[in-house]
Amino acid sequence: SLIPRLYDATAGRVLIDDLDVRRYRIRSMREKVGIVLQDPVLFAGSIADNLRYGRLDATGAEIVEAARAAHAHDFVSRLPKGYDTPVAEAGGGLSGGERQRLNIARALLKNAPILILDEPTSSLDAISEETVLAALKQLRAGRTTIVIAHRLSTVRDADRILVLDGGRIVAQGRHEELLTSSE
Protein backbone atom coordinates (compact mmCIF):
# COMPACT_ATOMS: atom_id res chain seq x y z
CA SER A 1 0.00 0.00 0.00
CA LEU A 2 2.95 2.36 0.58
CA ILE A 3 4.59 1.89 -2.82
CA PRO A 4 1.56 2.96 -4.96
CA ARG A 5 0.81 5.62 -2.33
CA LEU A 6 -2.51 4.25 -1.19
CA TYR A 7 -1.10 5.51 2.11
CA ASP A 8 1.94 7.64 2.80
CA ALA A 9 4.49 6.45 5.33
CA THR A 10 4.10 8.00 8.77
CA ALA A 11 7.66 7.05 9.69
CA GLY A 12 10.67 6.32 7.53
CA ARG A 13 10.68 6.53 3.75
CA VAL A 14 9.80 4.37 0.77
CA LEU A 15 12.41 4.78 -1.96
CA ILE A 16 12.34 3.77 -5.60
CA ASP A 17 15.62 4.31 -7.42
CA ASP A 18 16.75 6.38 -4.43
CA LEU A 19 13.75 8.74 -4.73
CA ASP A 20 11.10 9.02 -2.04
CA VAL A 21 7.76 7.96 -3.54
CA ARG A 22 6.22 11.10 -2.04
CA ARG A 23 8.15 13.09 -4.68
CA TYR A 24 5.97 11.47 -7.36
CA ARG A 25 2.44 12.62 -8.03
CA ILE A 26 0.00 9.98 -6.81
CA ARG A 27 -1.37 9.28 -10.29
CA SER A 28 2.13 9.03 -11.74
CA MET A 29 3.21 6.60 -9.02
CA ARG A 30 0.15 4.42 -9.48
CA GLU A 31 0.76 4.25 -13.22
CA LYS A 32 4.20 2.77 -12.46
CA VAL A 33 2.81 -0.06 -10.31
CA GLY A 34 0.90 -3.21 -11.31
CA ILE A 35 -0.69 -5.27 -8.55
CA VAL A 36 -1.91 -8.87 -8.49
CA LEU A 37 -3.78 -9.54 -5.27
CA GLN A 38 -4.47 -12.76 -3.38
CA ASP A 39 -8.18 -12.45 -4.12
CA PRO A 40 -8.56 -11.45 -7.78
CA VAL A 41 -10.80 -8.44 -8.32
CA LEU A 42 -13.22 -8.66 -11.24
CA PHE A 43 -15.88 -6.12 -12.15
CA ALA A 44 -19.28 -6.27 -13.81
CA GLY A 45 -18.80 -6.28 -17.57
CA SER A 46 -17.27 -8.61 -20.12
CA ILE A 47 -14.02 -10.47 -19.77
CA ALA A 48 -12.50 -8.05 -22.31
CA ASP A 49 -13.70 -5.09 -20.24
CA ASN A 50 -12.07 -6.56 -17.14
CA LEU A 51 -8.76 -7.04 -18.93
CA ARG A 52 -8.92 -3.61 -20.56
CA TYR A 53 -9.09 -2.09 -17.08
CA GLY A 54 -5.31 -2.67 -17.04
CA ARG A 55 -4.93 -0.27 -19.97
CA LEU A 56 -8.05 1.43 -21.24
CA ASP A 57 -6.74 1.95 -24.78
CA ALA A 58 -5.75 -1.72 -25.28
CA THR A 59 -6.78 -3.18 -28.63
CA GLY A 60 -8.56 -6.49 -29.02
CA ALA A 61 -5.34 -8.05 -30.29
CA GLU A 62 -3.41 -6.78 -27.25
CA ILE A 63 -6.07 -8.23 -24.94
CA VAL A 64 -5.79 -11.64 -26.61
CA GLU A 65 -1.97 -11.45 -26.49
CA ALA A 66 -2.05 -10.68 -22.74
CA ALA A 67 -4.54 -13.49 -22.14
CA ARG A 68 -2.31 -15.93 -24.03
CA ALA A 69 0.72 -14.87 -21.98
CA ALA A 70 -1.32 -15.32 -18.78
CA HIS A 71 -2.48 -18.79 -19.86
CA ALA A 72 -6.09 -17.55 -19.94
CA HIS A 73 -6.85 -17.52 -23.67
CA ASP A 74 -7.75 -21.21 -23.94
CA PHE A 75 -10.39 -21.17 -21.21
CA VAL A 76 -11.76 -17.80 -22.38
CA SER A 77 -12.05 -19.13 -25.95
CA ARG A 78 -14.13 -22.07 -24.69
CA LEU A 79 -16.69 -19.76 -23.07
CA PRO A 80 -19.94 -19.29 -25.04
CA LYS A 81 -19.18 -15.64 -25.90
CA GLY A 82 -15.39 -15.76 -25.55
CA TYR A 83 -14.01 -12.37 -24.55
CA ASP A 84 -17.53 -10.89 -24.67
CA THR A 85 -18.71 -13.26 -21.92
CA PRO A 86 -20.23 -11.26 -19.07
CA VAL A 87 -18.48 -11.64 -15.74
CA ALA A 88 -20.78 -12.39 -12.83
CA GLU A 89 -20.36 -10.44 -9.62
CA ALA A 90 -16.89 -11.07 -8.13
CA GLY A 91 -16.11 -13.48 -10.99
CA GLY A 92 -18.73 -16.06 -10.03
CA GLY A 93 -18.73 -18.97 -12.47
CA LEU A 94 -14.95 -18.85 -12.89
CA SER A 95 -12.50 -20.93 -10.88
CA GLY A 96 -9.94 -19.28 -8.61
CA GLY A 97 -7.18 -20.09 -11.07
CA GLU A 98 -9.16 -18.63 -13.99
CA ARG A 99 -9.87 -15.42 -12.07
CA GLN A 100 -6.21 -15.12 -11.10
CA ARG A 101 -5.04 -15.64 -14.70
CA LEU A 102 -7.39 -12.84 -15.81
CA ASN A 103 -5.86 -10.65 -13.10
CA ILE A 104 -2.38 -11.48 -14.42
CA ALA A 105 -3.47 -10.68 -18.00
CA ARG A 106 -4.72 -7.30 -16.77
CA ALA A 107 -1.35 -6.62 -15.13
CA LEU A 108 0.43 -7.66 -18.34
CA LEU A 109 -1.66 -5.15 -20.28
CA LYS A 110 -0.75 -2.41 -17.83
CA ASN A 111 2.93 -3.13 -18.47
CA ALA A 112 4.05 -1.24 -15.36
CA PRO A 113 7.76 -1.29 -14.44
CA ILE A 114 7.00 -2.22 -10.81
CA LEU A 115 4.93 -5.27 -9.96
CA ILE A 116 3.52 -6.26 -6.58
CA LEU A 117 2.29 -9.83 -6.17
CA ASP A 118 0.41 -10.28 -2.91
CA GLU A 119 -0.06 -14.01 -2.20
CA PRO A 120 -0.97 -14.66 -5.86
CA THR A 121 -1.23 -18.46 -5.50
CA SER A 122 -2.41 -18.92 -1.92
CA SER A 123 -5.96 -20.00 -2.70
CA LEU A 124 -5.13 -22.26 -5.65
CA ASP A 125 -4.85 -26.03 -5.94
CA ALA A 126 -1.54 -27.50 -7.11
CA ILE A 127 -2.53 -27.73 -10.80
CA SER A 128 -3.86 -24.16 -10.95
CA GLU A 129 -0.81 -22.95 -9.02
CA GLU A 130 1.54 -24.42 -11.62
CA THR A 131 -0.32 -22.65 -14.46
CA VAL A 132 -0.44 -19.35 -12.57
CA LEU A 133 3.28 -19.58 -11.67
CA ALA A 134 4.10 -20.03 -15.36
CA ALA A 135 2.07 -16.90 -16.17
CA LEU A 136 3.72 -14.97 -13.32
CA LYS A 137 7.17 -15.89 -14.62
CA GLN A 138 6.34 -14.13 -17.89
CA LEU A 139 4.80 -11.18 -16.04
CA ARG A 140 7.87 -10.67 -13.82
CA ALA A 141 10.34 -10.54 -16.73
CA GLY A 142 12.09 -7.17 -16.92
CA ARG A 143 10.26 -5.67 -13.94
CA THR A 144 11.07 -4.88 -10.36
CA THR A 145 8.85 -7.39 -8.61
CA ILE A 146 7.90 -7.61 -4.97
CA VAL A 147 6.27 -10.91 -4.00
CA ILE A 148 4.51 -11.38 -0.68
CA ALA A 149 4.06 -15.11 -0.10
CA HIS A 150 3.96 -17.90 2.42
CA ARG A 151 4.47 -20.62 -0.21
CA LEU A 152 8.12 -21.21 -1.02
CA SER A 153 7.24 -22.21 -4.59
CA THR A 154 6.02 -18.68 -5.26
CA VAL A 155 9.38 -17.04 -4.42
CA ARG A 156 11.81 -19.80 -5.40
CA ASP A 157 13.12 -17.87 -8.45
CA ALA A 158 13.55 -14.54 -6.64
CA ASP A 159 16.89 -12.74 -6.78
CA ARG A 160 16.54 -11.86 -3.11
CA ILE A 161 14.21 -13.30 -0.48
CA LEU A 162 13.54 -11.55 2.82
CA VAL A 163 12.18 -13.73 5.60
CA LEU A 164 10.09 -11.78 8.10
CA ASP A 165 9.14 -12.77 11.62
CA GLY A 166 7.19 -10.38 13.79
CA GLY A 167 7.76 -7.56 11.30
CA ARG A 168 11.55 -7.93 11.37
CA ILE A 169 13.89 -9.38 8.75
CA VAL A 170 15.34 -12.58 10.22
CA ALA A 171 17.04 -13.93 7.09
CA GLN A 172 17.72 -12.90 3.51
CA GLY A 173 19.34 -14.31 0.40
CA ARG A 174 18.62 -16.50 -2.59
CA HIS A 175 16.51 -19.63 -2.19
CA GLU A 176 19.52 -21.97 -2.16
CA GLU A 177 21.35 -19.83 0.42
CA LEU A 178 18.35 -19.79 2.73
CA LEU A 179 17.94 -23.56 2.49
CA THR A 180 21.61 -24.03 3.41
CA SER A 181 21.58 -21.54 6.27
CA SER A 182 18.41 -22.94 7.87
CA GLU A 183 19.75 -26.50 8.20
C-alpha atoms as a PDB file:
ATOM      1  CA  SER A   1       0.000   0.000   0.000  1.00  0.00           C
ATOM      2  CA  LEU A   2       2.947   2.361   0.575  1.00  0.00           C
ATOM      3  CA  ILE A   3       4.585   1.889  -2.824  1.00  0.00           C
ATOM      4  CA  PRO A   4       1.564   2.958  -4.955  1.00  0.00           C
ATOM      5  CA  ARG A   5       0.807   5.617  -2.333  1.00  0.00           C
ATOM      6  CA  LEU A   6      -2.511   4.253  -1.189  1.00  0.00           C
ATOM      7  CA  TYR A   7      -1.100   5.510   2.107  1.00  0.00           C
ATOM      8  CA  ASP A   8       1.940   7.640   2.801  1.00  0.00           C
ATOM      9  CA  ALA A   9       4.491   6.447   5.327  1.00  0.00           C
ATOM     10  CA  THR A  10       4.099   7.998   8.767  1.00  0.00           C
ATOM     11  CA  ALA A  11       7.660   7.053   9.687  1.00  0.00           C
ATOM     12  CA  GLY A  12      10.666   6.322   7.526  1.00  0.00           C
ATOM     13  CA  ARG A  13      10.684   6.532   3.747  1.00  0.00           C
ATOM     14  CA  VAL A  14       9.797   4.373   0.766  1.00  0.00           C
ATOM     15  CA  LEU A  15      12.406   4.777  -1.958  1.00  0.00           C
ATOM     16  CA  ILE A  16      12.337   3.770  -5.597  1.00  0.00           C
ATOM     17  CA  ASP A  17      15.618   4.307  -7.422  1.00  0.00           C
ATOM     18  CA  ASP A  18      16.752   6.381  -4.430  1.00  0.00           C
ATOM     19  CA  LEU A  19      13.755   8.742  -4.727  1.00  0.00           C
ATOM     20  CA  ASP A  20      11.098   9.021  -2.042  1.00  0.00           C
ATOM     21  CA  VAL A  21       7.761   7.955  -3.540  1.00  0.00           C
ATOM     22  CA  ARG A  22       6.222  11.103  -2.037  1.00  0.00           C
ATOM     23  CA  ARG A  23       8.146  13.089  -4.678  1.00  0.00           C
ATOM     24  CA  TYR A  24       5.970  11.471  -7.362  1.00  0.00           C
ATOM     25  CA  ARG A  25       2.435  12.619  -8.031  1.00  0.00           C
ATOM     26  CA  ILE A  26       0.004   9.975  -6.807  1.00  0.00           C
ATOM     27  CA  ARG A  27      -1.373   9.277 -10.291  1.00  0.00           C
ATOM     28  CA  SER A  28       2.135   9.029 -11.737  1.00  0.00           C
ATOM     29  CA  MET A  29       3.214   6.598  -9.020  1.00  0.00           C
ATOM     30  CA  ARG A  30       0.149   4.418  -9.477  1.00  0.00           C
ATOM     31  CA  GLU A  31       0.765   4.251 -13.220  1.00  0.00           C
ATOM     32  CA  LYS A  32       4.198   2.770 -12.464  1.00  0.00           C
ATOM     33  CA  VAL A  33       2.806  -0.065 -10.314  1.00  0.00           C
ATOM     34  CA  GLY A  34       0.904  -3.209 -11.309  1.00  0.00           C
ATOM     35  CA  ILE A  35      -0.686  -5.271  -8.549  1.00  0.00           C
ATOM     36  CA  VAL A  36      -1.909  -8.875  -8.492  1.00  0.00           C
ATOM     37  CA  LEU A  37      -3.777  -9.540  -5.269  1.00  0.00           C
ATOM     38  CA  GLN A  38      -4.472 -12.757  -3.383  1.00  0.00           C
ATOM     39  CA  ASP A  39      -8.178 -12.448  -4.122  1.00  0.00           C
ATOM     40  CA  PRO A  40      -8.562 -11.452  -7.779  1.00  0.00           C
ATOM     41  CA  VAL A  41     -10.805  -8.439  -8.320  1.00  0.00           C
ATOM     42  CA  LEU A  42     -13.221  -8.655 -11.239  1.00  0.00           C
ATOM     43  CA  PHE A  43     -15.880  -6.123 -12.149  1.00  0.00           C
ATOM     44  CA  ALA A  44     -19.284  -6.267 -13.808  1.00  0.00           C
ATOM     45  CA  GLY A  45     -18.799  -6.281 -17.567  1.00  0.00           C
ATOM     46  CA  SER A  46     -17.275  -8.611 -20.120  1.00  0.00           C
ATOM     47  CA  ILE A  47     -14.016 -10.472 -19.767  1.00  0.00           C
ATOM     48  CA  ALA A  48     -12.498  -8.052 -22.315  1.00  0.00           C
ATOM     49  CA  ASP A  49     -13.701  -5.086 -20.236  1.00  0.00           C
ATOM     50  CA  ASN A  50     -12.072  -6.561 -17.144  1.00  0.00           C
ATOM     51  CA  LEU A  51      -8.760  -7.039 -18.930  1.00  0.00           C
ATOM     52  CA  ARG A  52      -8.918  -3.609 -20.558  1.00  0.00           C
ATOM     53  CA  TYR A  53      -9.094  -2.093 -17.076  1.00  0.00           C
ATOM     54  CA  GLY A  54      -5.312  -2.674 -17.038  1.00  0.00           C
ATOM     55  CA  ARG A  55      -4.927  -0.275 -19.966  1.00  0.00           C
ATOM     56  CA  LEU A  56      -8.053   1.434 -21.238  1.00  0.00           C
ATOM     57  CA  ASP A  57      -6.739   1.953 -24.775  1.00  0.00           C
ATOM     58  CA  ALA A  58      -5.754  -1.716 -25.285  1.00  0.00           C
ATOM     59  CA  THR A  59      -6.780  -3.178 -28.628  1.00  0.00           C
ATOM     60  CA  GLY A  60      -8.561  -6.491 -29.016  1.00  0.00           C
ATOM     61  CA  ALA A  61      -5.337  -8.048 -30.290  1.00  0.00           C
ATOM     62  CA  GLU A  62      -3.414  -6.782 -27.252  1.00  0.00           C
ATOM     63  CA  ILE A  63      -6.072  -8.233 -24.943  1.00  0.00           C
ATOM     64  CA  VAL A  64      -5.786 -11.635 -26.613  1.00  0.00           C
ATOM     65  CA  GLU A  65      -1.971 -11.448 -26.486  1.00  0.00           C
ATOM     66  CA  ALA A  66      -2.047 -10.680 -22.738  1.00  0.00           C
ATOM     67  CA  ALA A  67      -4.538 -13.491 -22.136  1.00  0.00           C
ATOM     68  CA  ARG A  68      -2.312 -15.929 -24.034  1.00  0.00           C
ATOM     69  CA  ALA A  69       0.720 -14.874 -21.979  1.00  0.00           C
ATOM     70  CA  ALA A  70      -1.317 -15.318 -18.784  1.00  0.00           C
ATOM     71  CA  HIS A  71      -2.482 -18.790 -19.860  1.00  0.00           C
ATOM     72  CA  ALA A  72      -6.089 -17.545 -19.943  1.00  0.00           C
ATOM     73  CA  HIS A  73      -6.846 -17.518 -23.673  1.00  0.00           C
ATOM     74  CA  ASP A  74      -7.750 -21.212 -23.941  1.00  0.00           C
ATOM     75  CA  PHE A  75     -10.387 -21.170 -21.209  1.00  0.00           C
ATOM     76  CA  VAL A  76     -11.759 -17.805 -22.384  1.00  0.00           C
ATOM     77  CA  SER A  77     -12.050 -19.133 -25.947  1.00  0.00           C
ATOM     78  CA  ARG A  78     -14.129 -22.071 -24.686  1.00  0.00           C
ATOM     79  CA  LEU A  79     -16.693 -19.757 -23.067  1.00  0.00           C
ATOM     80  CA  PRO A  80     -19.944 -19.285 -25.041  1.00  0.00           C
ATOM     81  CA  LYS A  81     -19.178 -15.639 -25.904  1.00  0.00           C
ATOM     82  CA  GLY A  82     -15.391 -15.758 -25.547  1.00  0.00           C
ATOM     83  CA  TYR A  83     -14.010 -12.370 -24.551  1.00  0.00           C
ATOM     84  CA  ASP A  84     -17.526 -10.893 -24.674  1.00  0.00           C
ATOM     85  CA  THR A  85     -18.713 -13.261 -21.923  1.00  0.00           C
ATOM     86  CA  PRO A  86     -20.234 -11.258 -19.073  1.00  0.00           C
ATOM     87  CA  VAL A  87     -18.481 -11.635 -15.742  1.00  0.00           C
ATOM     88  CA  ALA A  88     -20.784 -12.389 -12.831  1.00  0.00           C
ATOM     89  CA  GLU A  89     -20.360 -10.443  -9.616  1.00  0.00           C
ATOM     90  CA  ALA A  90     -16.888 -11.070  -8.130  1.00  0.00           C
ATOM     91  CA  GLY A  91     -16.108 -13.479 -10.988  1.00  0.00           C
ATOM     92  CA  GLY A  92     -18.732 -16.062 -10.035  1.00  0.00           C
ATOM     93  CA  GLY A  93     -18.731 -18.965 -12.474  1.00  0.00           C
ATOM     94  CA  LEU A  94     -14.952 -18.848 -12.891  1.00  0.00           C
ATOM     95  CA  SER A  95     -12.504 -20.930 -10.881  1.00  0.00           C
ATOM     96  CA  GLY A  96      -9.944 -19.280  -8.612  1.00  0.00           C
ATOM     97  CA  GLY A  97      -7.184 -20.093 -11.071  1.00  0.00           C
ATOM     98  CA  GLU A  98      -9.157 -18.626 -13.993  1.00  0.00           C
ATOM     99  CA  ARG A  99      -9.874 -15.423 -12.075  1.00  0.00           C
ATOM    100  CA  GLN A 100      -6.211 -15.123 -11.102  1.00  0.00           C
ATOM    101  CA  ARG A 101      -5.038 -15.640 -14.704  1.00  0.00           C
ATOM    102  CA  LEU A 102      -7.385 -12.835 -15.810  1.00  0.00           C
ATOM    103  CA  ASN A 103      -5.861 -10.648 -13.102  1.00  0.00           C
ATOM    104  CA  ILE A 104      -2.383 -11.484 -14.420  1.00  0.00           C
ATOM    105  CA  ALA A 105      -3.470 -10.677 -18.002  1.00  0.00           C
ATOM    106  CA  ARG A 106      -4.723  -7.304 -16.774  1.00  0.00           C
ATOM    107  CA  ALA A 107      -1.348  -6.618 -15.127  1.00  0.00           C
ATOM    108  CA  LEU A 108       0.435  -7.660 -18.343  1.00  0.00           C
ATOM    109  CA  LEU A 109      -1.657  -5.145 -20.282  1.00  0.00           C
ATOM    110  CA  LYS A 110      -0.748  -2.412 -17.826  1.00  0.00           C
ATOM    111  CA  ASN A 111       2.927  -3.133 -18.467  1.00  0.00           C
ATOM    112  CA  ALA A 112       4.054  -1.242 -15.357  1.00  0.00           C
ATOM    113  CA  PRO A 113       7.760  -1.289 -14.442  1.00  0.00           C
ATOM    114  CA  ILE A 114       7.004  -2.222 -10.807  1.00  0.00           C
ATOM    115  CA  LEU A 115       4.935  -5.271  -9.959  1.00  0.00           C
ATOM    116  CA  ILE A 116       3.524  -6.259  -6.576  1.00  0.00           C
ATOM    117  CA  LEU A 117       2.290  -9.833  -6.168  1.00  0.00           C
ATOM    118  CA  ASP A 118       0.413 -10.284  -2.912  1.00  0.00           C
ATOM    119  CA  GLU A 119      -0.065 -14.010  -2.199  1.00  0.00           C
ATOM    120  CA  PRO A 120      -0.965 -14.659  -5.859  1.00  0.00           C
ATOM    121  CA  THR A 121      -1.229 -18.458  -5.502  1.00  0.00           C
ATOM    122  CA  SER A 122      -2.405 -18.920  -1.924  1.00  0.00           C
ATOM    123  CA  SER A 123      -5.964 -20.001  -2.699  1.00  0.00           C
ATOM    124  CA  LEU A 124      -5.126 -22.260  -5.647  1.00  0.00           C
ATOM    125  CA  ASP A 125      -4.849 -26.027  -5.942  1.00  0.00           C
ATOM    126  CA  ALA A 126      -1.537 -27.504  -7.115  1.00  0.00           C
ATOM    127  CA  ILE A 127      -2.531 -27.732 -10.800  1.00  0.00           C
ATOM    128  CA  SER A 128      -3.861 -24.163 -10.952  1.00  0.00           C
ATOM    129  CA  GLU A 129      -0.814 -22.954  -9.017  1.00  0.00           C
ATOM    130  CA  GLU A 130       1.536 -24.424 -11.617  1.00  0.00           C
ATOM    131  CA  THR A 131      -0.316 -22.646 -14.456  1.00  0.00           C
ATOM    132  CA  VAL A 132      -0.440 -19.348 -12.566  1.00  0.00           C
ATOM    133  CA  LEU A 133       3.281 -19.575 -11.670  1.00  0.00           C
ATOM    134  CA  ALA A 134       4.099 -20.028 -15.362  1.00  0.00           C
ATOM    135  CA  ALA A 135       2.069 -16.897 -16.168  1.00  0.00           C
ATOM    136  CA  LEU A 136       3.725 -14.973 -13.319  1.00  0.00           C
ATOM    137  CA  LYS A 137       7.172 -15.892 -14.623  1.00  0.00           C
ATOM    138  CA  GLN A 138       6.342 -14.125 -17.887  1.00  0.00           C
ATOM    139  CA  LEU A 139       4.801 -11.179 -16.041  1.00  0.00           C
ATOM    140  CA  ARG A 140       7.874 -10.666 -13.822  1.00  0.00           C
ATOM    141  CA  ALA A 141      10.340 -10.536 -16.726  1.00  0.00           C
ATOM    142  CA  GLY A 142      12.092  -7.175 -16.916  1.00  0.00           C
ATOM    143  CA  ARG A 143      10.262  -5.668 -13.943  1.00  0.00           C
ATOM    144  CA  THR A 144      11.075  -4.875 -10.363  1.00  0.00           C
ATOM    145  CA  THR A 145       8.850  -7.393  -8.611  1.00  0.00           C
ATOM    146  CA  ILE A 146       7.897  -7.610  -4.969  1.00  0.00           C
ATOM    147  CA  VAL A 147       6.272 -10.906  -3.997  1.00  0.00           C
ATOM    148  CA  ILE A 148       4.508 -11.378  -0.678  1.00  0.00           C
ATOM    149  CA  ALA A 149       4.062 -15.106  -0.102  1.00  0.00           C
ATOM    150  CA  HIS A 150       3.963 -17.904   2.417  1.00  0.00           C
ATOM    151  CA  ARG A 151       4.468 -20.618  -0.212  1.00  0.00           C
ATOM    152  CA  LEU A 152       8.123 -21.209  -1.018  1.00  0.00           C
ATOM    153  CA  SER A 153       7.235 -22.214  -4.585  1.00  0.00           C
ATOM    154  CA  THR A 154       6.019 -18.677  -5.257  1.00  0.00           C
ATOM    155  CA  VAL A 155       9.380 -17.037  -4.418  1.00  0.00           C
ATOM    156  CA  ARG A 156      11.814 -19.796  -5.397  1.00  0.00           C
ATOM    157  CA  ASP A 157      13.123 -17.868  -8.450  1.00  0.00           C
ATOM    158  CA  ALA A 158      13.549 -14.539  -6.639  1.00  0.00           C
ATOM    159  CA  ASP A 159      16.886 -12.740  -6.776  1.00  0.00           C
ATOM    160  CA  ARG A 160      16.542 -11.863  -3.106  1.00  0.00           C
ATOM    161  CA  ILE A 161      14.206 -13.300  -0.480  1.00  0.00           C
ATOM    162  CA  LEU A 162      13.537 -11.550   2.816  1.00  0.00           C
ATOM    163  CA  VAL A 163      12.182 -13.733   5.599  1.00  0.00           C
ATOM    164  CA  LEU A 164      10.089 -11.779   8.103  1.00  0.00           C
ATOM    165  CA  ASP A 165       9.137 -12.767  11.619  1.00  0.00           C
ATOM    166  CA  GLY A 166       7.187 -10.380  13.787  1.00  0.00           C
ATOM    167  CA  GLY A 167       7.762  -7.557  11.298  1.00  0.00           C
ATOM    168  CA  ARG A 168      11.546  -7.933  11.369  1.00  0.00           C
ATOM    169  CA  ILE A 169      13.885  -9.376   8.746  1.00  0.00           C
ATOM    170  CA  VAL A 170      15.340 -12.584  10.225  1.00  0.00           C
ATOM    171  CA  ALA A 171      17.044 -13.934   7.089  1.00  0.00           C
ATOM    172  CA  GLN A 172      17.724 -12.903   3.509  1.00  0.00           C
ATOM    173  CA  GLY A 173      19.341 -14.307   0.404  1.00  0.00           C
ATOM    174  CA  ARG A 174      18.619 -16.504  -2.587  1.00  0.00           C
ATOM    175  CA  HIS A 175      16.511 -19.627  -2.193  1.00  0.00           C
ATOM    176  CA  GLU A 176      19.521 -21.971  -2.158  1.00  0.00           C
ATOM    177  CA  GLU A 177      21.347 -19.834   0.421  1.00  0.00           C
ATOM    178  CA  LEU A 178      18.351 -19.794   2.733  1.00  0.00           C
ATOM    179  CA  LEU A 179      17.940 -23.556   2.495  1.00  0.00           C
ATOM    180  CA  THR A 180      21.608 -24.032   3.414  1.00  0.00           C
ATOM    181  CA  SER A 181      21.579 -21.543   6.270  1.00  0.00           C
ATOM    182  CA  SER A 182      18.413 -22.944   7.871  1.00  0.00           C
ATOM    183  CA  GLU A 183      19.749 -26.498   8.197  1.00  0.00           C
END
